[in-house]
Amino acid sequence: MILQAGTRRLELGARPLLMGILNATPDSFSEERGEEPPSARVARGRALIAAGADLLDIGGESARGDRPAVSVEEEIDRVCTLIASLAGDALISVDTYKPEVAEAAIAAGASIVNDVSGLRDPRLAEVCAASGAGLVLMHTAVAPKGTLLDPATYTDVVEEVVAFLTERMAVARAAGVAEEQLVLDPGPDFAKTPAQTVAILRRLDAVAALGRPILLAASRKDFVGAITARPPAERDPGTLAALGHGVEHGASILRVHDVAGARDYFDVRAVLRGERVLAPLEGLSPERYPDGVPAHLSLG
């Protein structure tokens, strides 16, 4: 499957792409860093790339409902310098629902717009159509910063998520966005109880049937906490189970905090599944055998 992201044309295959989360905010739900200098955020971004991130998702406003929205000007200030500093090192996604921020971010070097509003403002699609940027359409039943945790919200959460994404895809296409620019996100925890999130993730194949790449943003989410009874900072092991399940059911881009852990998980998984062959002497390092690899282990 092809994803067009600005001037980049990505062929999504067996190995999922890892999207490292780089928050340019002091109040992320999973980690409160407080204010930090731009250089520290650039260093965090480069560390994510070194750990194996294929792309970075940079956001300037926390999705937390207990925090106020930031102005367009402040969000642009938070993300654009960071994007410009890192765009030469990795593909950049901007996490925003504001057309003005998306436009500025694309000008700074972003190639994908990750819209957690579900295209509430159609002008965002127009920005992507004009620039060729990829567009992530996420399911949600509330406005940004809104909270909805009600077991009675959906008659059938899977059918309603699929219907919503189908309709939003049509809106994007009507605005001029090409099919190959679209990515779908079922929106784990957004306007969903943990049980509702689990229900849609168990039927991720229904979203995959829409024919576009799936971005799975399951990292450290509340549904993982509901299952494991752990706070956000301790949910990385549980996250790996969700990621493995997601890839088996159609996810091809994984939005994660712990890039190194996810990379290791999928590297080992690939070898055990026969997708990559471990060479006969791979891993037999000089440090392990300072006097040379024993003769019975050599190929000669």
C-alpha atoms as a PDB file:
ATOM      1  CA  MET A   1       0.000   0.000   0.000  1.00  0.00           C
ATOM      2  CA  ILE A   2       1.274   3.483  -0.880  1.00  0.00           C
ATOM      3  CA  LEU A   3       1.215   6.573   1.320  1.00  0.00           C
ATOM      4  CA  GLN A   4       1.898   9.917  -0.326  1.00  0.00           C
ATOM      5  CA  ALA A   5       3.373  12.340   2.201  1.00  0.00           C
ATOM      6  CA  GLY A   6       4.418  15.586   0.567  1.00  0.00           C
ATOM      7  CA  THR A   7       7.247  14.730  -1.819  1.00  0.00           C
ATOM      8  CA  ARG A   8       7.736  11.323  -0.199  1.00  0.00           C
ATOM      9  CA  ARG A   9       6.048   8.218  -1.537  1.00  0.00           C
ATOM     10  CA  LEU A  10       6.134   5.467   1.077  1.00  0.00           C
ATOM     11  CA  GLU A  11       5.472   1.822   0.348  1.00  0.00           C
ATOM     12  CA  LEU A  12       4.046   0.279   3.495  1.00  0.00           C
ATOM     13  CA  GLY A  13       4.926  -3.387   3.760  1.00  0.00           C
ATOM     14  CA  ALA A  14       5.419  -6.166   6.284  1.00  0.00           C
ATOM     15  CA  ARG A  15       7.448  -4.105   8.748  1.00  0.00           C
ATOM     16  CA  PRO A  16       5.399  -1.473  10.569  1.00  0.00           C
ATOM     17  CA  LEU A  17       6.704   2.084  10.625  1.00  0.00           C
ATOM     18  CA  LEU A  18       7.427   3.489  14.073  1.00  0.00           C
ATOM     19  CA  MET A  19       6.179   7.019  14.715  1.00  0.00           C
ATOM     20  CA  GLY A  20       8.028   8.477  17.699  1.00  0.00           C
ATOM     21  CA  ILE A  21       6.009  10.833  19.879  1.00  0.00           C
ATOM     22  CA  LEU A  22       7.705  14.189  20.410  1.00  0.00           C
ATOM     23  CA  ASN A  23       5.596  16.475  22.546  1.00  0.00           C
ATOM     24  CA  ALA A  24       6.428  20.180  22.411  1.00  0.00           C
ATOM     25  CA  THR A  25       4.172  20.706  25.410  1.00  0.00           C
ATOM     26  CA  PRO A  26       4.790  20.837  29.159  1.00  0.00           C
ATOM     27  CA  ASP A  27       1.708  18.759  30.026  1.00  0.00           C
ATOM     28  CA  SER A  28       1.433  15.509  28.073  1.00  0.00           C
ATOM     29  CA  PHE A  29      -0.844  12.901  29.672  1.00  0.00           C
ATOM     30  CA  SER A  30       1.984  10.384  29.857  1.00  0.00           C
ATOM     31  CA  GLU A  31       4.839  12.605  31.002  1.00  0.00           C
ATOM     32  CA  GLU A  32       4.929  16.082  32.478  1.00  0.00           C
ATOM     33  CA  ARG A  33       8.286  17.609  31.640  1.00  0.00           C
ATOM     34  CA  GLY A  34       7.394  21.201  32.356  1.00  0.00           C
ATOM     35  CA  GLU A  35       8.905  23.927  30.232  1.00  0.00           C
ATOM     36  CA  GLU A  36      12.166  22.995  28.539  1.00  0.00           C
ATOM     37  CA  PRO A  37      14.429  24.779  26.050  1.00  0.00           C
ATOM     38  CA  PRO A  38      14.008  24.033  22.323  1.00  0.00           C
ATOM     39  CA  SER A  39      17.446  22.402  22.300  1.00  0.00           C
ATOM     40  CA  ALA A  40      16.241  19.753  24.758  1.00  0.00           C
ATOM     41  CA  ARG A  41      13.282  18.911  22.524  1.00  0.00           C
ATOM     42  CA  VAL A  42      15.516  18.685  19.460  1.00  0.00           C
ATOM     43  CA  ALA A  43      17.803  16.341  21.414  1.00  0.00           C
ATOM     44  CA  ARG A  44      14.815  14.161  22.362  1.00  0.00           C
ATOM     45  CA  GLY A  45      13.771  14.035  18.713  1.00  0.00           C
ATOM     46  CA  ARG A  46      17.226  12.970  17.574  1.00  0.00           C
ATOM     47  CA  ALA A  47      17.296  10.334  20.307  1.00  0.00           C
ATOM     48  CA  LEU A  48      14.018   8.900  19.009  1.00  0.00           C
ATOM     49  CA  ILE A  49      15.461   8.762  15.488  1.00  0.00           C
ATOM     50  CA  ALA A  50      18.625   7.065  16.779  1.00  0.00           C
ATOM     51  CA  ALA A  51      16.425   4.543  18.614  1.00  0.00           C
ATOM     52  CA  GLY A  52      14.766   3.583  15.332  1.00  0.00           C
ATOM     53  CA  ALA A  53      11.881   5.981  14.697  1.00  0.00           C
ATOM     54  CA  ASP A  54      10.897   6.108  11.026  1.00  0.00           C
ATOM     55  CA  LEU A  55       9.017   9.355  11.560  1.00  0.00           C
ATOM     56  CA  LEU A  56       8.264  11.809  14.347  1.00  0.00           C
ATOM     57  CA  ASP A  57       4.860  13.103  15.426  1.00  0.00           C
ATOM     58  CA  ILE A  58       5.319  16.607  16.836  1.00  0.00           C
ATOM     59  CA  GLY A  59       2.490  18.198  18.784  1.00  0.00           C
ATOM     60  CA  GLY A  60       2.186  21.605  20.416  1.00  0.00           C
ATOM     61  CA  GLU A  61      -1.059  21.117  22.344  1.00  0.00           C
ATOM     62  CA  SER A  62      -1.868  18.377  24.828  1.00  0.00           C
ATOM     63  CA  ALA A  63      -5.004  16.336  24.122  1.00  0.00           C
ATOM     64  CA  ARG A  64      -5.794  16.328  27.848  1.00  0.00           C
ATOM     65  CA  GLY A  65      -9.264  17.619  28.597  1.00  0.00           C
ATOM     66  CA  ASP A  66      -8.144  19.178  31.864  1.00  0.00           C
ATOM     67  CA  ARG A  67      -5.764  21.567  30.108  1.00  0.00           C
ATOM     68  CA  PRO A  68      -6.843  24.675  28.151  1.00  0.00           C
ATOM     69  CA  ALA A  69      -6.383  24.928  24.402  1.00  0.00           C
ATOM     70  CA  VAL A  70      -3.411  26.983  23.289  1.00  0.00           C
ATOM     71  CA  SER A  71      -3.603  29.771  20.739  1.00  0.00           C
ATOM     72  CA  VAL A  72      -2.684  29.230  17.110  1.00  0.00           C
ATOM     73  CA  GLU A  73       0.301  31.546  17.547  1.00  0.00           C
ATOM     74  CA  GLU A  74       1.639  29.668  20.570  1.00  0.00           C
ATOM     75  CA  GLU A  75       1.182  26.283  18.933  1.00  0.00           C
ATOM     76  CA  ILE A  76       3.002  27.441  15.802  1.00  0.00           C
ATOM     77  CA  ASP A  77       5.811  28.790  17.961  1.00  0.00           C
ATOM     78  CA  ARG A  78       6.102  25.481  19.805  1.00  0.00           C
ATOM     79  CA  VAL A  79       6.202  23.187  16.784  1.00  0.00           C
ATOM     80  CA  CYS A  80       7.687  24.995  13.803  1.00  0.00           C
ATOM     81  CA  THR A  81      11.228  25.583  15.061  1.00  0.00           C
ATOM     82  CA  LEU A  82      11.325  21.974  16.205  1.00  0.00           C
ATOM     83  CA  ILE A  83      10.064  20.716  12.853  1.00  0.00           C
ATOM     84  CA  ALA A  84      12.592  22.820  10.934  1.00  0.00           C
ATOM     85  CA  SER A  85      15.402  21.445  13.119  1.00  0.00           C
ATOM     86  CA  LEU A  86      14.446  17.789  12.564  1.00  0.00           C
ATOM     87  CA  ALA A  87      12.902  17.640   9.079  1.00  0.00           C
ATOM     88  CA  GLY A  88      16.286  16.877   7.526  1.00  0.00           C
ATOM     89  CA  ASP A  89      16.676  13.808   9.753  1.00  0.00           C
ATOM     90  CA  ALA A  90      13.251  12.129   9.578  1.00  0.00           C
ATOM     91  CA  LEU A  91       9.789  12.309   8.082  1.00  0.00           C
ATOM     92  CA  ILE A  92       7.723  14.679  10.237  1.00  0.00           C
ATOM     93  CA  SER A  93       4.045  14.541  11.182  1.00  0.00           C
ATOM     94  CA  VAL A  94       2.402  17.468  12.943  1.00  0.00           C
ATOM     95  CA  ASP A  95      -0.239  16.597  15.530  1.00  0.00           C
ATOM     96  CA  THR A  96      -2.797  19.383  15.116  1.00  0.00           C
ATOM     97  CA  TYR A  97      -6.427  20.025  14.233  1.00  0.00           C
ATOM     98  CA  LYS A  98      -5.900  23.703  13.347  1.00  0.00           C
ATOM     99  CA  PRO A  99      -5.502  24.571   9.642  1.00  0.00           C
ATOM    100  CA  GLU A 100      -3.253  27.556  10.358  1.00  0.00           C
ATOM    101  CA  VAL A 101      -0.874  25.423  12.415  1.00  0.00           C
ATOM    102  CA  ALA A 102      -0.871  22.684   9.771  1.00  0.00           C
ATOM    103  CA  GLU A 103      -0.029  25.175   7.031  1.00  0.00           C
ATOM    104  CA  ALA A 104       2.850  26.670   9.027  1.00  0.00           C
ATOM    105  CA  ALA A 105       4.135  23.222   9.998  1.00  0.00           C
ATOM    106  CA  ILE A 106       4.138  22.030   6.387  1.00  0.00           C
ATOM    107  CA  ALA A 107       6.043  25.154   5.383  1.00  0.00           C
ATOM    108  CA  ALA A 108       8.577  24.304   8.119  1.00  0.00           C
ATOM    109  CA  GLY A 109       9.060  20.780   6.774  1.00  0.00           C
ATOM    110  CA  ALA A 110       6.215  18.530   7.987  1.00  0.00           C
ATOM    111  CA  SER A 111       4.886  15.983   5.484  1.00  0.00           C
ATOM    112  CA  ILE A 112       1.879  14.568   7.376  1.00  0.00           C
ATOM    113  CA  VAL A 113      -0.947  16.182   9.353  1.00  0.00           C
ATOM    114  CA  ASN A 114      -2.243  14.034  12.227  1.00  0.00           C
ATOM    115  CA  ASP A 115      -5.738  15.381  12.910  1.00  0.00           C
ATOM    116  CA  VAL A 116      -7.242  14.126  16.177  1.00  0.00           C
ATOM    117  CA  SER A 117     -10.473  16.049  15.547  1.00  0.00           C
ATOM    118  CA  GLY A 118     -11.692  13.791  12.748  1.00  0.00           C
ATOM    119  CA  LEU A 119     -11.550  16.635  10.243  1.00  0.00           C
ATOM    120  CA  ARG A 120     -13.887  18.825  12.280  1.00  0.00           C
ATOM    121  CA  ASP A 121     -12.572  21.782  10.255  1.00  0.00           C
ATOM    122  CA  PRO A 122     -12.639  20.852   6.529  1.00  0.00           C
ATOM    123  CA  ARG A 123     -10.098  23.595   5.828  1.00  0.00           C
ATOM    124  CA  LEU A 124      -7.489  21.184   7.168  1.00  0.00           C
ATOM    125  CA  ALA A 125      -8.203  18.886   4.215  1.00  0.00           C
ATOM    126  CA  GLU A 126      -7.787  21.847   1.866  1.00  0.00           C
ATOM    127  CA  VAL A 127      -4.331  22.519   3.333  1.00  0.00           C
ATOM    128  CA  CYS A 128      -3.338  18.895   2.707  1.00  0.00           C
ATOM    129  CA  ALA A 129      -4.823  18.931  -0.791  1.00  0.00           C
ATOM    130  CA  ALA A 130      -2.831  22.045  -1.712  1.00  0.00           C
ATOM    131  CA  SER A 131       0.452  20.782  -0.241  1.00  0.00           C
ATOM    132  CA  GLY A 132       0.230  17.056  -0.929  1.00  0.00           C
ATOM    133  CA  ALA A 133       0.763  16.290   2.751  1.00  0.00           C
ATOM    134  CA  GLY A 134      -0.519  13.027   4.165  1.00  0.00           C
ATOM    135  CA  LEU A 135      -3.652  13.323   6.321  1.00  0.00           C
ATOM    136  CA  VAL A 136      -4.476  11.116   9.308  1.00  0.00           C
ATOM    137  CA  LEU A 137      -8.222  10.911   9.929  1.00  0.00           C
ATOM    138  CA  MET A 138      -9.019   9.851  13.489  1.00  0.00           C
ATOM    139  CA  HIS A 139     -12.355   8.739  14.880  1.00  0.00           C
ATOM    140  CA  THR A 140     -13.766  10.743  17.758  1.00  0.00           C
ATOM    141  CA  ALA A 141     -17.267  11.679  18.866  1.00  0.00           C
ATOM    142  CA  VAL A 142     -16.288  14.891  20.663  1.00  0.00           C
ATOM    143  CA  ALA A 143     -14.544  18.158  19.880  1.00  0.00           C
ATOM    144  CA  PRO A 144     -10.839  18.468  20.737  1.00  0.00           C
ATOM    145  CA  LYS A 145     -10.308  18.649  24.513  1.00  0.00           C
ATOM    146  CA  GLY A 146     -13.717  17.029  25.023  1.00  0.00           C
ATOM    147  CA  THR A 147     -14.256  13.931  27.183  1.00  0.00           C
ATOM    148  CA  LEU A 148     -16.864  11.245  26.679  1.00  0.00           C
ATOM    149  CA  LEU A 149     -16.797   8.033  28.705  1.00  0.00           C
ATOM    150  CA  ASP A 150     -20.232   6.453  28.443  1.00  0.00           C
ATOM    151  CA  PRO A 151     -20.902   2.741  27.867  1.00  0.00           C
ATOM    152  CA  ALA A 152     -24.151   3.726  26.109  1.00  0.00           C
ATOM    153  CA  THR A 153     -22.538   6.047  23.543  1.00  0.00           C
ATOM    154  CA  TYR A 154     -22.472   3.508  20.726  1.00  0.00           C
ATOM    155  CA  THR A 155     -24.964   0.882  19.635  1.00  0.00           C
ATOM    156  CA  ASP A 156     -22.136  -0.893  17.792  1.00  0.00           C
ATOM    157  CA  VAL A 157     -18.798   0.869  18.250  1.00  0.00           C
ATOM    158  CA  VAL A 158     -17.150  -0.979  15.351  1.00  0.00           C
ATOM    159  CA  GLU A 159     -19.875  -0.110  12.843  1.00  0.00           C
ATOM    160  CA  GLU A 160     -19.969   3.507  14.007  1.00  0.00           C
ATOM    161  CA  VAL A 161     -16.205   3.981  13.821  1.00  0.00           C
ATOM    162  CA  VAL A 162     -16.125   2.510  10.302  1.00  0.00           C
ATOM    163  CA  ALA A 163     -19.079   4.664   9.190  1.00  0.00           C
ATOM    164  CA  PHE A 164     -17.455   7.806  10.614  1.00  0.00           C
ATOM    165  CA  LEU A 165     -14.123   7.155   8.900  1.00  0.00           C
ATOM    166  CA  THR A 166     -15.860   6.349   5.619  1.00  0.00           C
ATOM    167  CA  GLU A 167     -17.719   9.657   5.721  1.00  0.00           C
ATOM    168  CA  ARG A 168     -14.599  11.630   6.701  1.00  0.00           C
ATOM    169  CA  MET A 169     -12.663  10.069   3.830  1.00  0.00           C
ATOM    170  CA  ALA A 170     -15.369  11.313   1.462  1.00  0.00           C
ATOM    171  CA  VAL A 171     -15.086  14.836   2.927  1.00  0.00           C
ATOM    172  CA  ALA A 172     -11.312  14.788   2.455  1.00  0.00           C
ATOM    173  CA  ARG A 173     -11.572  13.557  -1.128  1.00  0.00           C
ATOM    174  CA  ALA A 174     -14.168  16.217  -1.921  1.00  0.00           C
ATOM    175  CA  ALA A 175     -11.650  18.816  -0.737  1.00  0.00           C
ATOM    176  CA  GLY A 176      -9.091  17.486  -3.203  1.00  0.00           C
ATOM    177  CA  VAL A 177      -7.098  15.093  -1.003  1.00  0.00           C
ATOM    178  CA  ALA A 178      -5.917  12.086  -3.016  1.00  0.00           C
ATOM    179  CA  GLU A 179      -6.701   8.578  -1.800  1.00  0.00           C
ATOM    180  CA  GLU A 180      -2.994   7.833  -1.366  1.00  0.00           C
ATOM    181  CA  GLN A 181      -2.632  10.731   1.095  1.00  0.00           C
ATOM    182  CA  LEU A 182      -5.112   9.246   3.595  1.00  0.00           C
ATOM    183  CA  VAL A 183      -4.336   7.324   6.789  1.00  0.00           C
ATOM    184  CA  LEU A 184      -6.977   6.058   9.234  1.00  0.00           C
ATOM    185  CA  ASP A 185      -6.842   6.018  13.035  1.00  0.00           C
ATOM    186  CA  PRO A 186      -9.637   4.301  15.031  1.00  0.00           C
ATOM    187  CA  GLY A 187      -8.948   6.668  17.937  1.00  0.00           C
ATOM    188  CA  PRO A 188      -8.221   4.457  20.961  1.00  0.00           C
ATOM    189  CA  ASP A 189      -9.553   6.144  24.151  1.00  0.00           C
ATOM    190  CA  PHE A 190     -10.915   9.158  22.263  1.00  0.00           C
ATOM    191  CA  ALA A 191     -14.600   9.346  23.261  1.00  0.00           C
ATOM    192  CA  LYS A 192     -14.384   5.665  24.186  1.00  0.00           C
ATOM    193  CA  THR A 193     -14.355   3.712  27.415  1.00  0.00           C
ATOM    194  CA  PRO A 194     -11.545   1.143  27.746  1.00  0.00           C
ATOM    195  CA  ALA A 195     -14.026  -1.605  26.842  1.00  0.00           C
ATOM    196  CA  GLN A 196     -15.132   0.282  23.717  1.00  0.00           C
ATOM    197  CA  THR A 197     -11.505   0.775  22.695  1.00  0.00           C
ATOM    198  CA  VAL A 198     -10.830  -2.936  23.134  1.00  0.00           C
ATOM    199  CA  ALA A 199     -13.903  -3.747  21.040  1.00  0.00           C
ATOM    200  CA  ILE A 200     -12.689  -1.710  18.072  1.00  0.00           C
ATOM    201  CA  LEU A 201      -9.105  -2.987  18.357  1.00  0.00           C
ATOM    202  CA  ARG A 202     -10.367  -6.569  18.346  1.00  0.00           C
ATOM    203  CA  ARG A 203     -12.099  -5.772  15.033  1.00  0.00           C
ATOM    204  CA  LEU A 204      -9.362  -3.656  13.488  1.00  0.00           C
ATOM    205  CA  ASP A 205      -9.813  -5.707  10.327  1.00  0.00           C
ATOM    206  CA  ALA A 206     -13.075  -3.804   9.722  1.00  0.00           C
ATOM    207  CA  VAL A 207     -11.092  -0.551   9.541  1.00  0.00           C
ATOM    208  CA  ALA A 208      -8.421  -2.191   7.384  1.00  0.00           C
ATOM    209  CA  ALA A 209     -11.154  -3.174   4.932  1.00  0.00           C
ATOM    210  CA  LEU A 210     -11.537   0.531   4.053  1.00  0.00           C
ATOM    211  CA  GLY A 211      -8.335   0.128   2.077  1.00  0.00           C
ATOM    212  CA  ARG A 212      -6.070   2.737   3.645  1.00  0.00           C
ATOM    213  CA  PRO A 213      -3.119   2.422   6.056  1.00  0.00           C
ATOM    214  CA  ILE A 214      -4.002   2.292   9.744  1.00  0.00           C
ATOM    215  CA  LEU A 215      -2.151   4.368  12.314  1.00  0.00           C
ATOM    216  CA  LEU A 216      -2.403   2.726  15.733  1.00  0.00           C
ATOM    217  CA  ALA A 217      -1.964   5.205  18.597  1.00  0.00           C
ATOM    218  CA  ALA A 218      -2.185   2.783  21.514  1.00  0.00           C
ATOM    219  CA  SER A 219       0.943   3.793  23.425  1.00  0.00           C
ATOM    220  CA  ARG A 220       0.373   4.115  27.188  1.00  0.00           C
ATOM    221  CA  LYS A 221      -3.346   4.630  26.651  1.00  0.00           C
ATOM    222  CA  ASP A 222      -5.969   4.273  29.368  1.00  0.00           C
ATOM    223  CA  PHE A 223      -7.279   0.963  28.032  1.00  0.00           C
ATOM    224  CA  VAL A 224      -3.817  -0.497  28.692  1.00  0.00           C
ATOM    225  CA  GLY A 225      -3.998   0.986  32.191  1.00  0.00           C
ATOM    226  CA  ALA A 226      -7.469  -0.503  32.719  1.00  0.00           C
ATOM    227  CA  ILE A 227      -6.106  -3.954  31.876  1.00  0.00           C
ATOM    228  CA  THR A 228      -2.806  -3.715  33.759  1.00  0.00           C
ATOM    229  CA  ALA A 229      -3.730  -1.318  36.590  1.00  0.00           C
ATOM    230  CA  ARG A 230      -0.564   0.651  35.877  1.00  0.00           C
ATOM    231  CA  PRO A 231      -0.018   4.425  35.467  1.00  0.00           C
ATOM    232  CA  PRO A 232       0.986   5.809  32.050  1.00  0.00           C
ATOM    233  CA  ALA A 233       4.741   5.709  32.622  1.00  0.00           C
ATOM    234  CA  GLU A 234       4.563   1.968  33.412  1.00  0.00           C
ATOM    235  CA  ARG A 235       2.430   0.885  30.446  1.00  0.00           C
ATOM    236  CA  ASP A 236       5.133   0.199  27.838  1.00  0.00           C
ATOM    237  CA  PRO A 237       5.091  -3.626  28.251  1.00  0.00           C
ATOM    238  CA  GLY A 238       1.311  -3.668  27.912  1.00  0.00           C
ATOM    239  CA  THR A 239       1.594  -1.363  24.926  1.00  0.00           C
ATOM    240  CA  LEU A 240       3.768  -3.914  23.110  1.00  0.00           C
ATOM    241  CA  ALA A 241       0.973  -6.490  23.340  1.00  0.00           C
ATOM    242  CA  ALA A 242      -1.452  -3.995  21.790  1.00  0.00           C
ATOM    243  CA  LEU A 243       1.028  -3.140  19.023  1.00  0.00           C
ATOM    244  CA  GLY A 244       1.647  -6.783  18.158  1.00  0.00           C
ATOM    245  CA  HIS A 245      -2.096  -7.410  17.976  1.00  0.00           C
ATOM    246  CA  GLY A 246      -2.572  -4.279  15.882  1.00  0.00           C
ATOM    247  CA  VAL A 247       0.004  -5.258  13.270  1.00  0.00           C
ATOM    248  CA  GLU A 248      -1.521  -8.730  12.973  1.00  0.00           C
ATOM    249  CA  HIS A 249      -4.862  -7.083  12.189  1.00  0.00           C
ATOM    250  CA  GLY A 250      -3.784  -4.445   9.705  1.00  0.00           C
ATOM    251  CA  ALA A 251      -1.948  -1.584  11.449  1.00  0.00           C
ATOM    252  CA  SER A 252       1.076  -0.322   9.522  1.00  0.00           C
ATOM    253  CA  ILE A 253       2.113   2.840  11.420  1.00  0.00           C
ATOM    254  CA  LEU A 254       2.585   2.681  15.195  1.00  0.00           C
ATOM    255  CA  ARG A 255       2.636   5.851  17.275  1.00  0.00           C
ATOM    256  CA  VAL A 256       4.820   5.107  20.309  1.00  0.00           C
ATOM    257  CA  HIS A 257       6.643   6.693  23.224  1.00  0.00           C
ATOM    258  CA  ASP A 258       9.197   3.879  23.695  1.00  0.00           C
ATOM    259  CA  VAL A 259      10.688   3.597  20.221  1.00  0.00           C
ATOM    260  CA  ALA A 260      13.630   1.433  21.277  1.00  0.00           C
ATOM    261  CA  GLY A 261      11.386  -1.088  23.018  1.00  0.00           C
ATOM    262  CA  ALA A 262       9.017  -1.288  20.050  1.00  0.00           C
ATOM    263  CA  ARG A 263      11.929  -1.666  17.616  1.00  0.00           C
ATOM    264  CA  ASP A 264      13.385  -4.539  19.665  1.00  0.00           C
ATOM    265  CA  TYR A 265       9.985  -6.218  19.908  1.00  0.00           C
ATOM    266  CA  PHE A 266       9.380  -6.151  16.158  1.00  0.00           C
ATOM    267  CA  ASP A 267      12.980  -7.119  15.318  1.00  0.00           C
ATOM    268  CA  VAL A 268      12.715 -10.269  17.443  1.00  0.00           C
ATOM    269  CA  ARG A 269       9.189 -10.954  16.163  1.00  0.00           C
ATOM    270  CA  ALA A 270      10.400 -10.728  12.551  1.00  0.00           C
ATOM    271  CA  VAL A 271      13.138 -13.300  13.135  1.00  0.00           C
ATOM    272  CA  LEU A 272      10.858 -15.715  14.981  1.00  0.00           C
ATOM    273  CA  ARG A 273       8.247 -15.433  12.214  1.00  0.00           C
ATOM    274  CA  GLY A 274      10.870 -16.149   9.543  1.00  0.00           C
ATOM    275  CA  GLU A 275      10.589 -12.668   8.039  1.00  0.00           C
ATOM    276  CA  ARG A 276      14.307 -12.101   8.671  1.00  0.00           C
ATOM    277  CA  VAL A 277      16.981 -14.780   8.838  1.00  0.00           C
ATOM    278  CA  LEU A 278      19.553 -14.691  11.604  1.00  0.00           C
ATOM    279  CA  ALA A 279      22.983 -15.306  10.095  1.00  0.00           C
ATOM    280  CA  PRO A 280      24.939 -18.296  11.517  1.00  0.00           C
ATOM    281  CA  LEU A 281      27.527 -16.151  13.294  1.00  0.00           C
ATOM    282  CA  GLU A 282      25.306 -13.152  14.009  1.00  0.00           C
ATOM    283  CA  GLY A 283      25.600 -12.119  17.631  1.00  0.00           C
ATOM    284  CA  LEU A 284      28.878 -13.967  18.254  1.00  0.00           C
ATOM    285  CA  SER A 285      30.803 -10.799  19.044  1.00  0.00           C
ATOM    286  CA  PRO A 286      34.519 -10.447  19.775  1.00  0.00           C
ATOM    287  CA  GLU A 287      33.572  -9.215  23.251  1.00  0.00           C
ATOM    288  CA  ARG A 288      31.891 -12.564  23.930  1.00  0.00           C
ATOM    289  CA  TYR A 289      34.765 -14.565  22.430  1.00  0.00           C
ATOM    290  CA  PRO A 290      37.964 -12.510  23.090  1.00  0.00           C
ATOM    291  CA  ASP A 291      40.171 -15.415  21.937  1.00  0.00           C
ATOM    292  CA  GLY A 292      38.269 -15.830  18.701  1.00  0.00           C
ATOM    293  CA  VAL A 293      35.088 -17.664  17.768  1.00  0.00           C
ATOM    294  CA  PRO A 294      35.530 -21.380  18.662  1.00  0.00           C
ATOM    295  CA  ALA A 295      36.289 -23.583  15.670  1.00  0.00           C
ATOM    296  CA  HIS A 296      33.144 -25.652  16.067  1.00  0.00           C
ATOM    297  CA  LEU A 297      31.086 -22.449  15.652  1.00  0.00           C
ATOM    298  CA  SER A 298      32.927 -21.178  12.589  1.00  0.00           C
ATOM    299  CA  LEU A 299      31.740 -21.597   9.050  1.00  0.00           C
ATOM    300  CA  GLY A 300      35.140 -22.823   7.821  1.00  0.00           C
END
